[in-house]
Amino acid sequence: MPKRDVLVFVDWYKPGYRGGGPVRSMINMVDHLAGRVQFHIVTSDTDYATDQPYPGIEPDQWFELPSGECVWYASRSGRDQRTWRQLLGERNWDAIYINGMFSLWYSIMPLWLTRGSQQRRIAVARGMLLPGPMGQGALKKRVFLGLGKLLGLYKGVEFQATSGDEVVSIRERIGSDVRIHEVTNLPRKLVSDGRPQRTKRAGSARLVNVVRIATEKNIHLIIESLQGVTGEVIFDLYGPVYHQAYWEQCKAAIAKLPSNITFNYHGPVASEQVPQILAGDHHALFMPNEGDNFGHTMVEAMCAGLPLLISDQSPWRDLQARSAGWDIPLEGPARFTAAVQELVAMDQAAFDRISAGAYAIGMAQVNDPGTVDRTFNMLAR
């Protein structure tokens, strides 16, 4: 069977890594479907929040990567409607796959230039329409979505949702009759030699988070919840700073933490380093984000035997009942403080139980062949 031809628009792609989940989602899709789909990916020639072009890459032309996908690294001067029309009309695409909702060049422009056409288009909201992310700049986003619907931007467009909550949010924001494929994201391909063994003694815990530092990632909530914990706690934070003013506020709060709490900021890390970090000597992933449509880091943490300490705004729910961690409402830090305290108090046997529970959930997700088939069927239909 010949490969399907899919044209992708996404703000950032490898070798970039600062863009977080959307970048990882696209890399994983290519890794899993490279044998059945020929991906042509249109993206920026710079990483998220940087101005430096990737070294060794000629922009504004197709560039084949060793993994088989063809990538058009667009320079700022090379982004224009004429070029986008050329790429859209270059061949008879089986599907155009559009990542995100609010990016001018990589979400809005492809939809604008193909409106009214018979070209099959699939938009993936990447969690951007969930209540938490919609709360950031809510008025501007609502006005834009209303104007987009009025101008027919989404007419005939199919959507991918990665959870039941996202299905609801898409219908609320776009329309009750929109066609939605509920297909979860594909996880990173992982080879497991079994659940990593971690030493845990009662009275201490080490927590980790790998995330871009922005308001909706609730770093301030982490800091606030750690203030009331007794016992020894070490928290390791990795990721690029997106909101500098917010990070300055966080740093001021970090300086006031009691002496039993150690807060380490390690800066941004490449995506390929994340599994190694998560396989380290931590006891939970502490990631109370305002909203996640999938949570790649959460899945990879569970595959490393790390329990989750997260909000209830992700697909990973009922974690306490499943002996895999905690999913807690965001109303205040007290319940997060209590969860950290519970983790600190755990001895080896108690910790091993929730580590095993998390590992079972993560590996079940990674080893589900149905997700790969559903993703291919969505693109190939």
Protein backbone atom coordinates (compact mmCIF):
# COMPACT_ATOMS: atom_id res chain seq x y z
CA MET A 1 0.00 0.00 0.00
CA PRO A 2 1.47 3.43 -0.92
CA LYS A 3 2.15 5.85 1.87
CA ARG A 4 -0.41 8.53 2.63
CA ASP A 5 0.74 12.10 2.02
CA VAL A 6 0.03 14.39 4.97
CA LEU A 7 0.96 18.08 5.13
CA VAL A 8 1.52 19.31 8.69
CA PHE A 9 1.63 22.84 10.05
CA VAL A 10 3.20 23.19 13.50
CA ASP A 11 4.97 26.16 15.11
CA TRP A 12 8.03 24.19 16.22
CA TYR A 13 9.54 20.84 15.39
CA LYS A 14 12.81 19.04 16.03
CA PRO A 15 15.59 19.86 16.62
CA GLY A 16 13.55 22.31 18.70
CA TYR A 17 12.40 21.21 22.14
CA ARG A 18 11.34 24.34 24.03
CA GLY A 19 7.77 24.20 22.70
CA GLY A 20 6.90 21.27 24.96
CA GLY A 21 3.99 18.92 24.37
CA PRO A 22 2.94 19.90 20.81
CA VAL A 23 6.49 19.29 19.56
CA ARG A 24 6.68 15.95 21.35
CA SER A 25 3.25 14.96 20.01
CA MET A 26 4.33 15.55 16.43
CA ILE A 27 7.67 13.76 16.82
CA ASN A 28 5.92 10.75 18.34
CA MET A 29 3.35 10.62 15.53
CA VAL A 30 6.12 10.59 12.92
CA ASP A 31 8.06 7.91 14.82
CA HIS A 32 5.05 5.61 15.02
CA LEU A 33 3.63 6.17 11.50
CA ALA A 34 6.72 6.72 9.35
CA GLY A 35 6.19 3.38 7.60
CA ARG A 36 2.64 4.27 6.54
CA VAL A 37 2.58 8.06 6.19
CA GLN A 38 4.88 10.44 4.35
CA PHE A 39 4.86 13.54 6.49
CA HIS A 40 5.67 16.96 5.04
CA ILE A 41 6.04 19.34 7.98
CA VAL A 42 5.96 23.14 7.71
CA THR A 43 7.47 24.78 10.78
CA SER A 44 9.66 27.62 12.02
CA ASP A 45 13.44 27.65 11.55
CA THR A 46 13.85 28.78 15.18
CA ASP A 47 12.93 27.17 18.48
CA TYR A 48 10.22 28.45 20.81
CA ALA A 49 11.01 31.89 22.32
CA THR A 50 14.35 32.17 20.48
CA ASP A 51 15.56 34.15 17.46
CA GLN A 52 18.53 31.98 16.50
CA PRO A 53 17.92 29.74 13.43
CA TYR A 54 18.82 26.07 13.74
CA PRO A 55 22.41 25.42 12.65
CA GLY A 56 23.11 23.42 9.50
CA ILE A 57 19.63 23.86 7.99
CA GLU A 58 18.82 25.84 4.84
CA PRO A 59 15.44 27.53 5.37
CA ASP A 60 12.53 27.90 2.95
CA GLN A 61 13.00 24.61 1.13
CA TRP A 62 12.19 20.96 1.77
CA PHE A 63 14.75 19.24 3.97
CA GLU A 64 14.58 15.46 4.52
CA LEU A 65 15.48 14.34 8.02
CA PRO A 66 17.16 10.97 8.71
CA SER A 67 13.87 9.68 10.16
CA GLY A 68 12.22 10.13 6.74
CA GLU A 69 9.94 13.15 7.16
CA CYS A 70 10.40 16.19 4.93
CA VAL A 71 10.51 19.51 6.79
CA TRP A 72 10.11 23.05 5.47
CA TYR A 73 11.89 25.28 8.00
CA ALA A 74 10.33 28.65 7.28
CA SER A 75 12.33 31.78 8.00
CA ARG A 76 10.52 34.89 9.18
CA SER A 77 11.05 36.56 5.82
CA GLY A 78 9.91 33.39 4.05
CA ARG A 79 6.50 33.25 5.71
CA ASP A 80 3.95 34.73 3.34
CA GLN A 81 0.65 33.80 1.76
CA ARG A 82 2.21 33.07 -1.63
CA THR A 83 4.55 30.46 -0.15
CA TRP A 84 1.79 28.92 1.95
CA ARG A 85 -0.47 28.65 -1.13
CA GLN A 86 2.36 26.98 -3.01
CA LEU A 87 2.85 24.40 -0.25
CA LEU A 88 -0.87 23.74 0.12
CA GLY A 89 -1.23 23.18 -3.63
CA GLU A 90 1.98 21.23 -4.14
CA ARG A 91 0.22 17.87 -4.35
CA ASN A 92 -3.09 16.16 -3.63
CA TRP A 93 -2.68 15.80 0.12
CA ASP A 94 -4.61 13.03 1.85
CA ALA A 95 -4.96 15.39 4.80
CA ILE A 96 -3.68 18.70 6.08
CA TYR A 97 -2.96 18.40 9.80
CA ILE A 98 -2.99 21.71 11.65
CA ASN A 99 -1.56 21.94 15.17
CA GLY A 100 -3.11 24.49 17.50
CA MET A 101 -5.73 27.23 17.28
CA PHE A 102 -4.20 30.68 17.70
CA SER A 103 -0.92 30.78 15.77
CA LEU A 104 -1.17 33.19 12.83
CA TRP A 105 1.05 31.30 10.38
CA TYR A 106 0.74 27.69 11.53
CA SER A 107 -2.95 27.52 12.52
CA ILE A 108 -4.98 30.43 11.19
CA MET A 109 -3.34 30.98 7.79
CA PRO A 110 -3.65 27.35 6.55
CA LEU A 111 -7.33 27.37 7.49
CA TRP A 112 -7.89 30.79 5.91
CA LEU A 113 -6.23 29.84 2.62
CA THR A 114 -8.20 26.57 2.34
CA ARG A 115 -11.60 27.84 3.50
CA GLY A 116 -14.39 26.79 1.19
CA SER A 117 -12.25 24.10 -0.46
CA GLN A 118 -12.84 20.35 -0.55
CA GLN A 119 -9.39 19.73 0.91
CA ARG A 120 -9.55 17.52 3.97
CA ARG A 121 -8.28 19.41 7.02
CA ILE A 122 -7.82 18.18 10.57
CA ALA A 123 -7.19 20.70 13.35
CA VAL A 124 -5.87 19.49 16.68
CA ALA A 125 -6.63 21.89 19.53
CA ARG A 126 -3.73 20.63 21.72
CA GLY A 127 -5.73 21.42 24.85
CA MET A 128 -6.00 25.11 23.96
CA LEU A 129 -9.81 25.10 24.22
CA LEU A 130 -9.92 23.52 27.68
CA PRO A 131 -11.14 25.81 30.49
CA GLY A 132 -7.71 26.36 32.08
CA PRO A 133 -5.83 27.49 28.93
CA MET A 134 -8.88 29.42 27.71
CA GLY A 135 -8.73 31.43 30.93
CA GLN A 136 -5.43 32.98 29.83
CA GLY A 137 -6.39 35.95 27.63
CA ALA A 138 -9.97 34.70 27.62
CA LEU A 139 -11.66 37.72 26.03
CA LYS A 140 -9.24 37.90 23.11
CA LYS A 141 -9.55 34.16 22.46
CA ARG A 142 -13.35 34.21 22.59
CA VAL A 143 -13.51 37.16 20.21
CA PHE A 144 -11.17 35.44 17.78
CA LEU A 145 -13.10 32.15 17.84
CA GLY A 146 -16.39 33.99 17.32
CA LEU A 147 -14.95 35.91 14.37
CA GLY A 148 -13.43 32.72 12.95
CA LYS A 149 -16.80 30.97 12.98
CA LEU A 150 -18.48 34.00 11.43
CA LEU A 151 -15.94 34.00 8.56
CA GLY A 152 -16.29 30.26 7.97
CA LEU A 153 -12.76 29.47 9.15
CA TYR A 154 -13.85 26.13 10.64
CA LYS A 155 -16.51 25.15 8.11
CA GLY A 156 -15.82 21.57 6.98
CA VAL A 157 -12.81 21.27 9.30
CA GLU A 158 -12.47 18.07 11.33
CA PHE A 159 -10.97 18.16 14.82
CA GLN A 160 -8.86 15.77 16.84
CA ALA A 161 -9.60 15.57 20.55
CA THR A 162 -7.36 13.59 22.85
CA SER A 163 -9.84 13.19 25.72
CA GLY A 164 -13.54 13.29 26.48
CA ASP A 165 -13.09 16.67 28.19
CA GLU A 166 -11.54 18.03 25.01
CA VAL A 167 -14.46 16.76 22.93
CA VAL A 168 -16.77 18.80 25.16
CA SER A 169 -14.60 21.91 24.93
CA ILE A 170 -14.39 21.74 21.11
CA ARG A 171 -18.16 21.39 20.77
CA GLU A 172 -18.68 24.33 23.14
CA ARG A 173 -16.20 26.61 21.37
CA ILE A 174 -16.56 25.55 17.71
CA GLY A 175 -20.02 24.03 17.31
CA SER A 176 -22.15 21.09 18.34
CA ASP A 177 -22.15 19.57 14.85
CA VAL A 178 -18.38 19.63 14.22
CA ARG A 179 -16.82 16.28 13.30
CA ILE A 180 -14.42 15.17 16.04
CA HIS A 181 -11.99 12.25 16.13
CA GLU A 182 -11.33 11.27 19.74
CA VAL A 183 -7.83 9.89 19.35
CA THR A 184 -5.32 10.24 22.16
CA ASN A 185 -1.76 11.39 21.51
CA LEU A 186 0.88 8.82 20.76
CA PRO A 187 3.48 8.40 23.51
CA ARG A 188 7.22 8.40 23.00
CA LYS A 189 8.54 5.01 21.88
CA LEU A 190 10.13 3.52 24.97
CA VAL A 191 12.02 0.32 25.66
CA SER A 192 11.52 -0.80 29.26
CA ASP A 193 13.63 -3.24 31.21
CA GLY A 194 11.11 -3.20 34.03
CA ARG A 195 10.14 -0.70 36.68
CA PRO A 196 13.16 1.23 38.00
CA GLN A 197 13.83 0.57 41.67
CA ARG A 198 13.98 3.72 43.80
CA THR A 199 15.10 4.03 47.40
CA LYS A 200 12.55 5.70 49.68
CA ARG A 201 12.93 6.38 53.38
CA ALA A 202 10.25 7.85 55.60
CA GLY A 203 10.79 11.52 56.35
CA SER A 204 12.09 12.69 52.98
CA ALA A 205 11.02 12.94 49.34
CA ARG A 206 12.40 14.27 46.09
CA LEU A 207 10.02 15.79 43.51
CA VAL A 208 10.54 16.81 39.89
CA ASN A 209 8.81 18.82 37.17
CA VAL A 210 9.81 19.33 33.52
CA VAL A 211 7.74 22.17 32.09
CA ARG A 212 7.95 25.57 30.46
CA ILE A 213 7.69 28.23 33.14
CA ALA A 214 4.44 30.09 32.48
CA THR A 215 1.52 31.22 34.60
CA GLU A 216 -0.73 28.31 33.63
CA LYS A 217 1.87 25.79 34.81
CA ASN A 218 1.28 26.85 38.43
CA ILE A 219 4.86 26.94 39.69
CA HIS A 220 3.62 29.39 42.34
CA LEU A 221 1.17 26.76 43.59
CA ILE A 222 4.01 24.26 43.96
CA ILE A 223 6.05 26.75 45.99
CA GLU A 224 3.09 27.70 48.17
CA SER A 225 2.16 24.09 48.87
CA LEU A 226 5.72 23.17 49.85
CA GLN A 227 5.83 25.87 52.53
CA GLY A 228 3.77 23.84 54.99
CA VAL A 229 5.50 20.48 54.57
CA THR A 230 7.54 19.00 57.40
CA GLY A 231 10.44 16.69 56.69
CA GLU A 232 13.11 16.95 54.01
CA VAL A 233 11.89 17.83 50.50
CA ILE A 234 13.98 18.44 47.38
CA PHE A 235 12.23 19.83 44.31
CA ASP A 236 13.95 19.85 40.90
CA LEU A 237 12.51 22.08 38.17
CA TYR A 238 13.55 21.85 34.51
CA GLY A 239 12.30 23.94 31.61
CA PRO A 240 12.58 27.25 29.73
CA VAL A 241 11.26 30.51 31.16
CA TYR A 242 8.36 31.83 29.10
CA HIS A 243 6.90 34.46 31.44
CA GLN A 244 9.94 36.24 32.92
CA ALA A 245 7.94 38.52 35.25
CA TYR A 246 6.07 35.50 36.60
CA TRP A 247 9.36 33.65 37.18
CA GLU A 248 10.75 36.64 39.10
CA GLN A 249 7.73 36.44 41.41
CA CYS A 250 8.32 32.71 41.83
CA LYS A 251 11.98 33.26 42.67
CA ALA A 252 11.03 35.73 45.38
CA ALA A 253 8.70 33.12 46.89
CA ILE A 254 11.37 30.41 46.61
CA ALA A 255 13.74 32.55 48.67
CA LYS A 256 11.22 32.45 51.54
CA LEU A 257 10.88 28.66 51.67
CA PRO A 258 11.87 27.07 55.01
CA SER A 259 15.25 25.40 55.37
CA ASN A 260 13.83 21.88 55.09
CA ILE A 261 12.78 22.60 51.47
CA THR A 262 15.41 22.70 48.71
CA PHE A 263 14.25 24.15 45.39
CA ASN A 264 16.60 23.60 42.43
CA TYR A 265 16.08 25.22 39.01
CA HIS A 266 18.16 23.50 36.31
CA GLY A 267 17.13 25.47 33.19
CA PRO A 268 15.82 24.11 29.87
CA VAL A 269 16.65 20.59 28.72
CA ALA A 270 16.34 18.83 25.35
CA SER A 271 13.39 16.49 24.97
CA GLU A 272 15.73 13.52 24.55
CA GLN A 273 17.05 14.11 28.09
CA VAL A 274 13.66 13.91 29.77
CA PRO A 275 13.44 10.10 30.13
CA GLN A 276 16.85 10.08 31.80
CA ILE A 277 15.79 12.81 34.23
CA LEU A 278 12.58 10.97 35.07
CA ALA A 279 14.51 7.76 35.65
CA GLY A 280 16.56 9.49 38.37
CA ASP A 281 16.17 9.34 42.13
CA HIS A 282 12.84 11.20 42.40
CA HIS A 283 9.65 10.01 44.09
CA ALA A 284 6.91 11.89 42.18
CA LEU A 285 6.27 14.19 39.26
CA PHE A 286 4.76 17.35 40.79
CA MET A 287 2.94 19.02 37.87
CA PRO A 288 -0.31 20.84 38.82
CA ASN A 289 -0.98 22.43 35.42
CA GLU A 290 -4.20 24.30 34.71
CA GLY A 291 -5.08 22.00 31.82
CA ASP A 292 -3.54 19.15 29.81
CA ASN A 293 -5.09 17.35 26.88
CA PHE A 294 -2.62 14.46 27.26
CA GLY A 295 0.53 15.12 29.30
CA HIS A 296 3.54 13.49 27.60
CA THR A 297 5.75 14.09 30.63
CA MET A 298 3.13 12.50 32.85
CA VAL A 299 3.03 9.33 30.75
CA GLU A 300 6.82 9.14 30.58
CA ALA A 301 7.02 9.66 34.35
CA MET A 302 4.63 6.78 34.99
CA CYS A 303 6.64 4.57 32.62
CA ALA A 304 9.64 5.34 34.84
CA GLY A 305 7.68 4.25 37.92
CA LEU A 306 7.11 7.84 39.11
CA PRO A 307 3.74 8.51 40.77
CA LEU A 308 1.95 11.68 39.69
CA LEU A 309 1.03 14.65 41.86
CA ILE A 310 -1.09 16.68 39.44
CA SER A 311 -4.28 18.68 39.12
CA ASP A 312 -7.58 17.13 38.12
CA GLN A 313 -7.36 18.96 34.76
CA SER A 314 -5.75 16.16 32.73
CA PRO A 315 -6.90 12.77 31.39
CA TRP A 316 -5.04 11.02 34.22
CA ARG A 317 -7.73 10.74 36.88
CA ASP A 318 -8.62 8.65 39.94
CA LEU A 319 -4.93 8.16 40.64
CA GLN A 320 -5.37 7.54 44.34
CA ALA A 321 -7.92 4.81 43.72
CA ARG A 322 -5.49 3.27 41.22
CA SER A 323 -2.54 3.56 43.65
CA ALA A 324 -0.62 5.74 41.18
CA GLY A 325 -0.50 9.18 42.81
CA TRP A 326 -2.86 12.13 43.34
CA ASP A 327 -5.06 14.26 41.05
CA ILE A 328 -6.28 17.24 43.04
CA PRO A 329 -8.56 20.24 42.33
CA LEU A 330 -6.76 23.57 41.97
CA GLU A 331 -8.79 25.53 44.52
CA GLY A 332 -5.89 25.89 46.97
CA PRO A 333 -2.54 24.51 48.07
CA ALA A 334 -3.70 22.72 51.24
CA ARG A 335 -4.56 19.42 49.55
CA PHE A 336 -1.31 19.51 47.57
CA THR A 337 0.55 20.12 50.82
CA ALA A 338 -1.23 17.12 52.37
CA ALA A 339 -0.31 14.92 49.38
CA VAL A 340 3.37 15.92 49.57
CA GLN A 341 3.30 15.25 53.31
CA GLU A 342 1.81 11.81 52.67
CA LEU A 343 4.59 11.07 50.20
CA VAL A 344 7.26 12.29 52.61
CA ALA A 345 5.91 9.97 55.31
CA MET A 346 5.97 6.87 53.09
CA ASP A 347 8.41 4.08 53.73
CA GLN A 348 9.82 1.83 51.01
CA ALA A 349 6.89 -0.62 50.96
CA ALA A 350 4.24 2.09 50.73
CA PHE A 351 6.15 3.93 48.00
CA ASP A 352 6.71 0.73 45.98
CA ARG A 353 2.94 0.23 45.81
CA ILE A 354 2.22 3.59 44.19
CA SER A 355 5.32 3.32 41.99
CA ALA A 356 4.05 -0.02 40.66
CA GLY A 357 0.57 1.45 40.11
CA ALA A 358 1.96 4.35 38.10
CA TYR A 359 4.21 2.06 36.07
CA ALA A 360 1.27 -0.18 35.14
CA ILE A 361 -0.77 2.75 33.81
CA GLY A 362 2.14 4.23 31.86
CA MET A 363 3.18 0.98 30.19
CA ALA A 364 -0.42 0.13 29.28
CA GLN A 365 -0.62 3.46 27.45
CA VAL A 366 2.72 3.00 25.65
CA ASN A 367 1.99 -0.56 24.61
CA ASP A 368 -1.51 0.03 23.23
CA PRO A 369 -1.31 -0.73 19.48
CA GLY A 370 -4.84 0.53 18.99
CA THR A 371 -3.74 4.14 19.43
CA VAL A 372 -1.38 3.86 16.47
CA ASP A 373 -4.09 2.36 14.27
CA ARG A 374 -6.67 4.96 15.29
CA THR A 375 -4.22 7.75 14.51
CA PHE A 376 -3.46 6.32 11.06
CA ASN A 377 -7.15 5.80 10.32
CA MET A 378 -7.87 9.42 11.25
CA LEU A 379 -5.23 10.70 8.82
CA ALA A 380 -5.99 8.20 6.05
CA ARG A 381 -9.76 8.49 5.96
